[in-house]
Amino acid sequence: MKRWIALFELGFAALFLACAVVSWRAARRTAEFAGTEEHPGFVAVRYVPPLLVLACALVTVGGLLVIDAAARIYAGSVARRGVEPMI
């Protein structure tokens, strides 16, 4: 049962990381300004802070899900239930 939960967590982590990439790319806005005789043309880049915060939050939650999934997968091989600790 733990491995199935870990698989779902890894699936959600991949989904969150993919959404973070989409959010990060959507946060970048560009505007092109045409040049004149006196001034050259240029491209201005503006970032949308809420989308950057969303991307950072999604990466954080995805990373925590990966850590939790790894702990669920490897917890059974490290310590078994019902075994008394050695004193």
PDB file of N, CA and C in Angstrom:
ATOM      1  N   MET A   1       0.811  -1.193   0.000  1.00  0.00           N
ATOM      2  CA  MET A   1       0.000   0.000   0.000  1.00  0.00           C
ATOM      3  C   MET A   1       0.860   1.265   0.000  1.00  0.00           C
ATOM      4  N   LYS A   2       1.964   1.215   0.744  1.00  0.00           N
ATOM      5  CA  LYS A   2       2.833   2.390   0.807  1.00  0.00           C
ATOM      6  C   LYS A   2       3.445   2.707  -0.551  1.00  0.00           C
ATOM      7  N   ARG A   3       3.750   1.685  -1.293  1.00  0.00           N
ATOM      8  CA  ARG A   3       4.358   1.917  -2.609  1.00  0.00           C
ATOM      9  C   ARG A   3       3.365   2.549  -3.577  1.00  0.00           C
ATOM     10  N   TRP A   4       2.081   2.203  -3.464  1.00  0.00           N
ATOM     11  CA  TRP A   4       1.080   2.834  -4.318  1.00  0.00           C
ATOM     12  C   TRP A   4       0.941   4.318  -3.977  1.00  0.00           C
ATOM     13  N   ILE A   5       0.951   4.624  -2.697  1.00  0.00           N
ATOM     14  CA  ILE A   5       0.886   6.026  -2.288  1.00  0.00           C
ATOM     15  C   ILE A   5       2.123   6.766  -2.789  1.00  0.00           C
ATOM     16  N   ALA A   6       3.268   6.118  -2.708  1.00  0.00           N
ATOM     17  CA  ALA A   6       4.506   6.738  -3.193  1.00  0.00           C
ATOM     18  C   ALA A   6       4.436   6.988  -4.702  1.00  0.00           C
ATOM     19  N   LEU A   7       3.832   6.064  -5.443  1.00  0.00           N
ATOM     20  CA  LEU A   7       3.674   6.261  -6.889  1.00  0.00           C
ATOM     21  C   LEU A   7       2.768   7.457  -7.186  1.00  0.00           C
ATOM     22  N   PHE A   8       1.675   7.587  -6.447  1.00  0.00           N
ATOM     23  CA  PHE A   8       0.801   8.750  -6.630  1.00  0.00           C
ATOM     24  C   PHE A   8       1.531  10.040  -6.276  1.00  0.00           C
ATOM     25  N   GLU A   9       2.328   9.998  -5.222  1.00  0.00           N
ATOM     26  CA  GLU A   9       3.090  11.189  -4.842  1.00  0.00           C
ATOM     27  C   GLU A   9       4.095  11.568  -5.926  1.00  0.00           C
ATOM     28  N   LEU A  10       4.751  10.583  -6.506  1.00  0.00           N
ATOM     29  CA  LEU A  10       5.694  10.878  -7.587  1.00  0.00           C
ATOM     30  C   LEU A  10       4.973  11.422  -8.821  1.00  0.00           C
ATOM     31  N   GLY A  11       3.787  10.904  -9.086  1.00  0.00           N
ATOM     32  CA  GLY A  11       2.992  11.427 -10.200  1.00  0.00           C
ATOM     33  C   GLY A  11       2.579  12.873  -9.974  1.00  0.00           C
ATOM     34  N   PHE A  12       2.126  13.168  -8.761  1.00  0.00           N
ATOM     35  CA  PHE A  12       1.764  14.552  -8.443  1.00  0.00           C
ATOM     36  C   PHE A  12       2.986  15.459  -8.458  1.00  0.00           C
ATOM     37  N   ALA A  13       4.131  14.953  -8.026  1.00  0.00           N
ATOM     38  CA  ALA A  13       5.353  15.759  -8.057  1.00  0.00           C
ATOM     39  C   ALA A  13       5.723  16.116  -9.494  1.00  0.00           C
ATOM     40  N   ALA A  14       5.615  15.155 -10.392  1.00  0.00           N
ATOM     41  CA  ALA A  14       5.910  15.437 -11.804  1.00  0.00           C
ATOM     42  C   ALA A  14       4.913  16.440 -12.370  1.00  0.00           C
ATOM     43  N   LEU A  15       3.642  16.312 -11.993  1.00  0.00           N
ATOM     44  CA  LEU A  15       2.629  17.261 -12.449  1.00  0.00           C
ATOM     45  C   LEU A  15       2.911  18.664 -11.923  1.00  0.00           C
ATOM     46  N   PHE A  16       3.271  18.765 -10.645  1.00  0.00           N
ATOM     47  CA  PHE A  16       3.573  20.075 -10.061  1.00  0.00           C
ATOM     48  C   PHE A  16       4.794  20.700 -10.713  1.00  0.00           C
ATOM     49  N   LEU A  17       5.808  19.906 -11.001  1.00  0.00           N
ATOM     50  CA  LEU A  17       7.003  20.452 -11.640  1.00  0.00           C
ATOM     51  C   LEU A  17       6.708  20.904 -13.068  1.00  0.00           C
ATOM     52  N   ALA A  18       5.865  20.173 -13.790  1.00  0.00           N
ATOM     53  CA  ALA A  18       5.479  20.604 -15.134  1.00  0.00           C
ATOM     54  C   ALA A  18       4.679  21.907 -15.072  1.00  0.00           C
ATOM     55  N   CYS A  19       3.790  22.022 -14.099  1.00  0.00           N
ATOM     56  CA  CYS A  19       3.027  23.270 -13.934  1.00  0.00           C
ATOM     57  C   CYS A  19       3.937  24.421 -13.533  1.00  0.00           C
ATOM     58  N   ALA A  20       4.983  24.133 -12.772  1.00  0.00           N
ATOM     59  CA  ALA A  20       5.932  25.179 -12.394  1.00  0.00           C
ATOM     60  C   ALA A  20       6.669  25.711 -13.622  1.00  0.00           C
ATOM     61  N   VAL A  21       7.016  24.834 -14.548  1.00  0.00           N
ATOM     62  CA  VAL A  21       7.681  25.278 -15.771  1.00  0.00           C
ATOM     63  C   VAL A  21       6.749  26.160 -16.591  1.00  0.00           C
ATOM     64  N   VAL A  22       5.491  25.766 -16.696  1.00  0.00           N
ATOM     65  CA  VAL A  22       4.518  26.573 -17.441  1.00  0.00           C
ATOM     66  C   VAL A  22       4.327  27.930 -16.774  1.00  0.00           C
ATOM     67  N   SER A  23       4.236  27.945 -15.453  1.00  0.00           N
ATOM     68  CA  SER A  23       4.061  29.199 -14.728  1.00  0.00           C
ATOM     69  C   SER A  23       5.285  30.101 -14.879  1.00  0.00           C
ATOM     70  N   TRP A  24       6.460  29.522 -14.822  1.00  0.00           N
ATOM     71  CA  TRP A  24       7.694  30.317 -14.957  1.00  0.00           C
ATOM     72  C   TRP A  24       7.776  30.953 -16.340  1.00  0.00           C
ATOM     73  N   ARG A  25       7.425  30.177 -17.362  1.00  0.00           N
ATOM     74  CA  ARG A  25       7.486  30.725 -18.724  1.00  0.00           C
ATOM     75  C   ARG A  25       6.402  31.772 -18.957  1.00  0.00           C
ATOM     76  N   ALA A  26       5.249  31.610 -18.319  1.00  0.00           N
ATOM     77  CA  ALA A  26       4.169  32.581 -18.487  1.00  0.00           C
ATOM     78  C   ALA A  26       4.454  33.874 -17.725  1.00  0.00           C
ATOM     79  N   ALA A  27       5.366  33.831 -16.778  1.00  0.00           N
ATOM     80  CA  ALA A  27       5.670  35.018 -15.976  1.00  0.00           C
ATOM     81  C   ALA A  27       6.492  36.043 -16.744  1.00  0.00           C
ATOM     82  N   ARG A  28       7.075  35.662 -17.839  1.00  0.00           N
ATOM     83  CA  ARG A  28       7.929  36.576 -18.606  1.00  0.00           C
ATOM     84  C   ARG A  28       7.116  37.262 -19.701  1.00  0.00           C
ATOM     85  N   ARG A  29       7.071  38.575 -19.652  1.00  0.00           N
ATOM     86  CA  ARG A  29       6.362  39.376 -20.651  1.00  0.00           C
ATOM     87  C   ARG A  29       7.378  40.238 -21.385  1.00  0.00           C
ATOM     88  N   THR A  30       7.321  40.230 -22.696  1.00  0.00           N
ATOM     89  CA  THR A  30       8.247  41.045 -23.478  1.00  0.00           C
ATOM     90  C   THR A  30       7.467  42.081 -24.280  1.00  0.00           C
ATOM     91  N   ALA A  31       8.089  43.214 -24.459  1.00  0.00           N
ATOM     92  CA  ALA A  31       7.518  44.284 -25.280  1.00  0.00           C
ATOM     93  C   ALA A  31       8.632  44.829 -26.167  1.00  0.00           C
ATOM     94  N   GLU A  32       8.359  44.890 -27.457  1.00  0.00           N
ATOM     95  CA  GLU A  32       9.345  45.404 -28.410  1.00  0.00           C
ATOM     96  C   GLU A  32       9.031  46.862 -28.738  1.00  0.00           C
ATOM     97  N   PHE A  33      10.056  47.661 -28.693  1.00  0.00           N
ATOM     98  CA  PHE A  33       9.908  49.078 -29.016  1.00  0.00           C
ATOM     99  C   PHE A  33      10.720  49.377 -30.270  1.00  0.00           C
ATOM    100  N   ALA A  34      10.077  50.006 -31.211  1.00  0.00           N
ATOM    101  CA  ALA A  34      10.721  50.321 -32.489  1.00  0.00           C
ATOM    102  C   ALA A  34      11.700  51.475 -32.306  1.00  0.00           C
ATOM    103  N   GLY A  35      12.729  51.433 -33.072  1.00  0.00           N
ATOM    104  CA  GLY A  35      13.733  52.492 -33.005  1.00  0.00           C
ATOM    105  C   GLY A  35      13.345  53.687 -33.857  1.00  0.00           C
ATOM    106  N   THR A  36      13.946  54.792 -33.526  1.00  0.00           N
ATOM    107  CA  THR A  36      13.771  56.018 -34.309  1.00  0.00           C
ATOM    108  C   THR A  36      15.138  56.429 -34.837  1.00  0.00           C
ATOM    109  N   GLU A  37      15.188  57.577 -35.433  1.00  0.00           N
ATOM    110  CA  GLU A  37      16.480  58.065 -35.938  1.00  0.00           C
ATOM    111  C   GLU A  37      17.439  58.392 -34.794  1.00  0.00           C
ATOM    112  N   GLU A  38      16.873  58.820 -33.677  1.00  0.00           N
ATOM    113  CA  GLU A  38      17.716  59.221 -32.547  1.00  0.00           C
ATOM    114  C   GLU A  38      17.994  58.072 -31.579  1.00  0.00           C
ATOM    115  N   HIS A  39      17.069  57.127 -31.465  1.00  0.00           N
ATOM    116  CA  HIS A  39      17.205  56.058 -30.477  1.00  0.00           C
ATOM    117  C   HIS A  39      17.083  54.697 -31.158  1.00  0.00           C
ATOM    118  N   PRO A  40      17.890  53.739 -30.729  1.00  0.00           N
ATOM    119  CA  PRO A  40      17.765  52.389 -31.304  1.00  0.00           C
ATOM    120  C   PRO A  40      16.556  51.665 -30.700  1.00  0.00           C
ATOM    121  N   GLY A  41      16.072  50.666 -31.395  1.00  0.00           N
ATOM    122  CA  GLY A  41      14.992  49.849 -30.873  1.00  0.00           C
ATOM    123  C   GLY A  41      15.504  48.898 -29.799  1.00  0.00           C
ATOM    124  N   PHE A  42      14.603  48.444 -28.943  1.00  0.00           N
ATOM    125  CA  PHE A  42      14.999  47.521 -27.876  1.00  0.00           C
ATOM    126  C   PHE A  42      13.808  46.666 -27.465  1.00  0.00           C
ATOM    127  N   VAL A  43      14.124  45.634 -26.713  1.00  0.00           N
ATOM    128  CA  VAL A  43      13.101  44.729 -26.190  1.00  0.00           C
ATOM    129  C   VAL A  43      13.140  44.830 -24.670  1.00  0.00           C
ATOM    130  N   ALA A  44      11.998  45.121 -24.062  1.00  0.00           N
ATOM    131  CA  ALA A  44      11.893  45.199 -22.610  1.00  0.00           C
ATOM    132  C   ALA A  44      11.281  43.904 -22.085  1.00  0.00           C
ATOM    133  N   VAL A  45      11.821  43.415 -20.984  1.00  0.00           N
ATOM    134  CA  VAL A  45      11.310  42.200 -20.362  1.00  0.00           C
ATOM    135  C   VAL A  45      10.771  42.567 -18.986  1.00  0.00           C
ATOM    136  N   ARG A  46       9.539  42.110 -18.698  1.00  0.00           N
ATOM    137  CA  ARG A  46       8.918  42.353 -17.409  1.00  0.00           C
ATOM    138  C   ARG A  46       8.463  41.016 -16.860  1.00  0.00           C
ATOM    139  N   TYR A  47       8.672  40.808 -15.569  1.00  0.00           N
ATOM    140  CA  TYR A  47       8.262  39.565 -14.931  1.00  0.00           C
ATOM    141  C   TYR A  47       7.046  39.809 -14.055  1.00  0.00           C
ATOM    142  N   VAL A  48       6.125  38.852 -14.038  1.00  0.00           N
ATOM    143  CA  VAL A  48       4.909  38.947 -13.240  1.00  0.00           C
ATOM    144  C   VAL A  48       5.168  38.222 -11.918  1.00  0.00           C
ATOM    145  N   PRO A  49       5.280  38.956 -10.799  1.00  0.00           N
ATOM    146  CA  PRO A  49       5.651  38.335  -9.524  1.00  0.00           C
ATOM    147  C   PRO A  49       4.723  37.231  -9.032  1.00  0.00           C
ATOM    148  N   PRO A  50       3.396  37.339  -9.139  1.00  0.00           N
ATOM    149  CA  PRO A  50       2.573  36.231  -8.636  1.00  0.00           C
ATOM    150  C   PRO A  50       2.828  34.907  -9.342  1.00  0.00           C
ATOM    151  N   LEU A  51       3.115  34.956 -10.629  1.00  0.00           N
ATOM    152  CA  LEU A  51       3.413  33.708 -11.342  1.00  0.00           C
ATOM    153  C   LEU A  51       4.763  33.135 -10.935  1.00  0.00           C
ATOM    154  N   LEU A  52       5.721  34.001 -10.620  1.00  0.00           N
ATOM    155  CA  LEU A  52       7.011  33.514 -10.134  1.00  0.00           C
ATOM    156  C   LEU A  52       6.863  32.878  -8.752  1.00  0.00           C
ATOM    157  N   VAL A  53       6.043  33.485  -7.899  1.00  0.00           N
ATOM    158  CA  VAL A  53       5.796  32.910  -6.569  1.00  0.00           C
ATOM    159  C   VAL A  53       5.087  31.566  -6.708  1.00  0.00           C
ATOM    160  N   LEU A  54       4.131  31.487  -7.621  1.00  0.00           N
ATOM    161  CA  LEU A  54       3.439  30.216  -7.860  1.00  0.00           C
ATOM    162  C   LEU A  54       4.414  29.146  -8.328  1.00  0.00           C
ATOM    163  N   ALA A  55       5.313  29.492  -9.233  1.00  0.00           N
ATOM    164  CA  ALA A  55       6.296  28.526  -9.725  1.00  0.00           C
ATOM    165  C   ALA A  55       7.200  28.048  -8.587  1.00  0.00           C
ATOM    166  N   CYS A  56       7.639  28.966  -7.739  1.00  0.00           N
ATOM    167  CA  CYS A  56       8.491  28.581  -6.605  1.00  0.00           C
ATOM    168  C   CYS A  56       7.743  27.685  -5.625  1.00  0.00           C
ATOM    169  N   ALA A  57       6.475  27.987  -5.369  1.00  0.00           N
ATOM    170  CA  ALA A  57       5.677  27.155  -4.463  1.00  0.00           C
ATOM    171  C   ALA A  57       5.463  25.762  -5.049  1.00  0.00           C
ATOM    172  N   LEU A  58       5.212  25.683  -6.342  1.00  0.00           N
ATOM    173  CA  LEU A  58       5.019  24.377  -6.977  1.00  0.00           C
ATOM    174  C   LEU A  58       6.288  23.534  -6.943  1.00  0.00           C
ATOM    175  N   VAL A  59       7.432  24.158  -7.140  1.00  0.00           N
ATOM    176  CA  VAL A  59       8.698  23.418  -7.062  1.00  0.00           C
ATOM    177  C   VAL A  59       8.934  22.932  -5.636  1.00  0.00           C
ATOM    178  N   THR A  60       8.616  23.755  -4.660  1.00  0.00           N
ATOM    179  CA  THR A  60       8.798  23.369  -3.262  1.00  0.00           C
ATOM    180  C   THR A  60       7.906  22.185  -2.898  1.00  0.00           C
ATOM    181  N   VAL A  61       6.635  22.255  -3.259  1.00  0.00           N
ATOM    182  CA  VAL A  61       5.710  21.165  -2.942  1.00  0.00           C
ATOM    183  C   VAL A  61       6.097  19.903  -3.707  1.00  0.00           C
ATOM    184  N   GLY A  62       6.503  20.049  -4.959  1.00  0.00           N
ATOM    185  CA  GLY A  62       6.948  18.884  -5.724  1.00  0.00           C
ATOM    186  C   GLY A  62       8.171  18.226  -5.113  1.00  0.00           C
ATOM    187  N   GLY A  63       9.108  19.036  -4.648  1.00  0.00           N
ATOM    188  CA  GLY A  63      10.293  18.482  -3.986  1.00  0.00           C
ATOM    189  C   GLY A  63       9.942  17.757  -2.693  1.00  0.00           C
ATOM    190  N   LEU A  64       9.018  18.320  -1.923  1.00  0.00           N
ATOM    191  CA  LEU A  64       8.593  17.653  -0.694  1.00  0.00           C
ATOM    192  C   LEU A  64       7.889  16.338  -0.988  1.00  0.00           C
ATOM    193  N   LEU A  65       7.115  16.298  -2.060  1.00  0.00           N
ATOM    194  CA  LEU A  65       6.465  15.038  -2.435  1.00  0.00           C
ATOM    195  C   LEU A  65       7.485  13.983  -2.851  1.00  0.00           C
ATOM    196  N   VAL A  66       8.532  14.384  -3.547  1.00  0.00           N
ATOM    197  CA  VAL A  66       9.580  13.430  -3.935  1.00  0.00           C
ATOM    198  C   VAL A  66      10.292  12.901  -2.697  1.00  0.00           C
ATOM    199  N   ILE A  67      10.596  13.785  -1.746  1.00  0.00           N
ATOM    200  CA  ILE A  67      11.260  13.344  -0.512  1.00  0.00           C
ATOM    201  C   ILE A  67      10.357  12.391   0.264  1.00  0.00           C
ATOM    202  N   ASP A  68       9.070  12.712   0.362  1.00  0.00           N
ATOM    203  CA  ASP A  68       8.138  11.850   1.084  1.00  0.00           C
ATOM    204  C   ASP A  68       7.979  10.502   0.387  1.00  0.00           C
ATOM    205  N   ALA A  69       7.943  10.504  -0.942  1.00  0.00           N
ATOM    206  CA  ALA A  69       7.827   9.241  -1.678  1.00  0.00           C
ATOM    207  C   ALA A  69       9.068   8.375  -1.466  1.00  0.00           C
ATOM    208  N   ALA A  70      10.239   9.001  -1.481  1.00  0.00           N
ATOM    209  CA  ALA A  70      11.466   8.232  -1.234  1.00  0.00           C
ATOM    210  C   ALA A  70      11.470   7.669   0.178  1.00  0.00           C
ATOM    211  N   ALA A  71      10.977   8.430   1.131  1.00  0.00           N
ATOM    212  CA  ALA A  71      10.918   7.932   2.509  1.00  0.00           C
ATOM    213  C   ALA A  71       9.945   6.774   2.627  1.00  0.00           C
ATOM    214  N   ARG A  72       8.823   6.842   1.915  1.00  0.00           N
ATOM    215  CA  ARG A  72       7.861   5.735   1.956  1.00  0.00           C
ATOM    216  C   ARG A  72       8.437   4.470   1.309  1.00  0.00           C
ATOM    217  N   ILE A  73       9.172   4.633   0.222  1.00  0.00           N
ATOM    218  CA  ILE A  73       9.713   3.466  -0.480  1.00  0.00           C
ATOM    219  C   ILE A  73      10.809   2.794   0.335  1.00  0.00           C
ATOM    220  N   TYR A  74      11.709   3.582   0.903  1.00  0.00           N
ATOM    221  CA  TYR A  74      12.857   3.011   1.592  1.00  0.00           C
ATOM    222  C   TYR A  74      12.651   2.792   3.078  1.00  0.00           C
ATOM    223  N   ALA A  75      11.525   3.207   3.638  1.00  0.00           N
ATOM    224  CA  ALA A  75      11.296   3.041   5.074  1.00  0.00           C
ATOM    225  C   ALA A  75      11.147   1.567   5.450  1.00  0.00           C
ATOM    226  N   GLY A  76      10.566   0.764   4.579  1.00  0.00           N
ATOM    227  CA  GLY A  76      10.368  -0.646   4.888  1.00  0.00           C
ATOM    228  C   GLY A  76      11.667  -1.422   4.958  1.00  0.00           C
ATOM    229  N   SER A  77      12.684  -1.009   4.230  1.00  0.00           N
ATOM    230  CA  SER A  77      13.939  -1.746   4.235  1.00  0.00           C
ATOM    231  C   SER A  77      14.858  -1.322   5.372  1.00  0.00           C
ATOM    232  N   VAL A  78      14.568  -0.191   6.021  1.00  0.00           N
ATOM    233  CA  VAL A  78      15.444   0.300   7.084  1.00  0.00           C
ATOM    234  C   VAL A  78      14.981  -0.190   8.443  1.00  0.00           C
ATOM    235  N   ALA A  79      13.728  -0.004   8.776  1.00  0.00           N
ATOM    236  CA  ALA A  79      13.215  -0.411  10.086  1.00  0.00           C
ATOM    237  C   ALA A  79      11.868  -1.088   9.906  1.00  0.00           C
ATOM    238  N   ARG A  80      11.679  -2.190  10.595  1.00  0.00           N
ATOM    239  CA  ARG A  80      10.416  -2.913  10.520  1.00  0.00           C
ATOM    240  C   ARG A  80       9.576  -2.598  11.755  1.00  0.00           C
ATOM    241  N   ARG A  81       8.271  -2.699  11.591  1.00  0.00           N
ATOM    242  CA  ARG A  81       7.363  -2.435  12.700  1.00  0.00           C
ATOM    243  C   ARG A  81       7.386  -3.602  13.683  1.00  0.00           C
ATOM    244  N   GLY A  82       7.191  -3.289  14.935  1.00  0.00           N
ATOM    245  CA  GLY A  82       7.097  -4.317  15.956  1.00  0.00           C
ATOM    246  C   GLY A  82       8.444  -4.791  16.471  1.00  0.00           C
ATOM    247  N   VAL A  83       9.529  -4.239  16.023  1.00  0.00           N
ATOM    248  CA  VAL A  83      10.841  -4.635  16.493  1.00  0.00           C
ATOM    249  C   VAL A  83      11.246  -3.685  17.601  1.00  0.00           C
ATOM    250  N   GLU A  84      11.629  -4.236  18.715  1.00  0.00           N
ATOM    251  CA  GLU A  84      12.046  -3.433  19.857  1.00  0.00           C
ATOM    252  C   GLU A  84      13.423  -2.836  19.594  1.00  0.00           C
ATOM    253  N   PRO A  85      13.641  -1.588  20.000  1.00  0.00           N
ATOM    254  CA  PRO A  85      14.964  -0.997  19.816  1.00  0.00           C
ATOM    255  C   PRO A  85      15.996  -1.635  20.742  1.00  0.00           C
ATOM    256  N   MET A  86      17.217  -1.660  20.289  1.00  0.00           N
ATOM    257  CA  MET A  86      18.293  -2.220  21.106  1.00  0.00           C
ATOM    258  C   MET A  86      18.757  -1.174  22.104  1.00  0.00           C
ATOM    259  N   ILE A  87      18.861  -1.581  23.350  1.00  0.00           N
ATOM    260  CA  ILE A  87      19.318  -0.644  24.379  1.00  0.00           C
ATOM    261  C   ILE A  87      20.652  -1.085  24.936  1.00  0.00           C
TER     262      ILE A  87
END
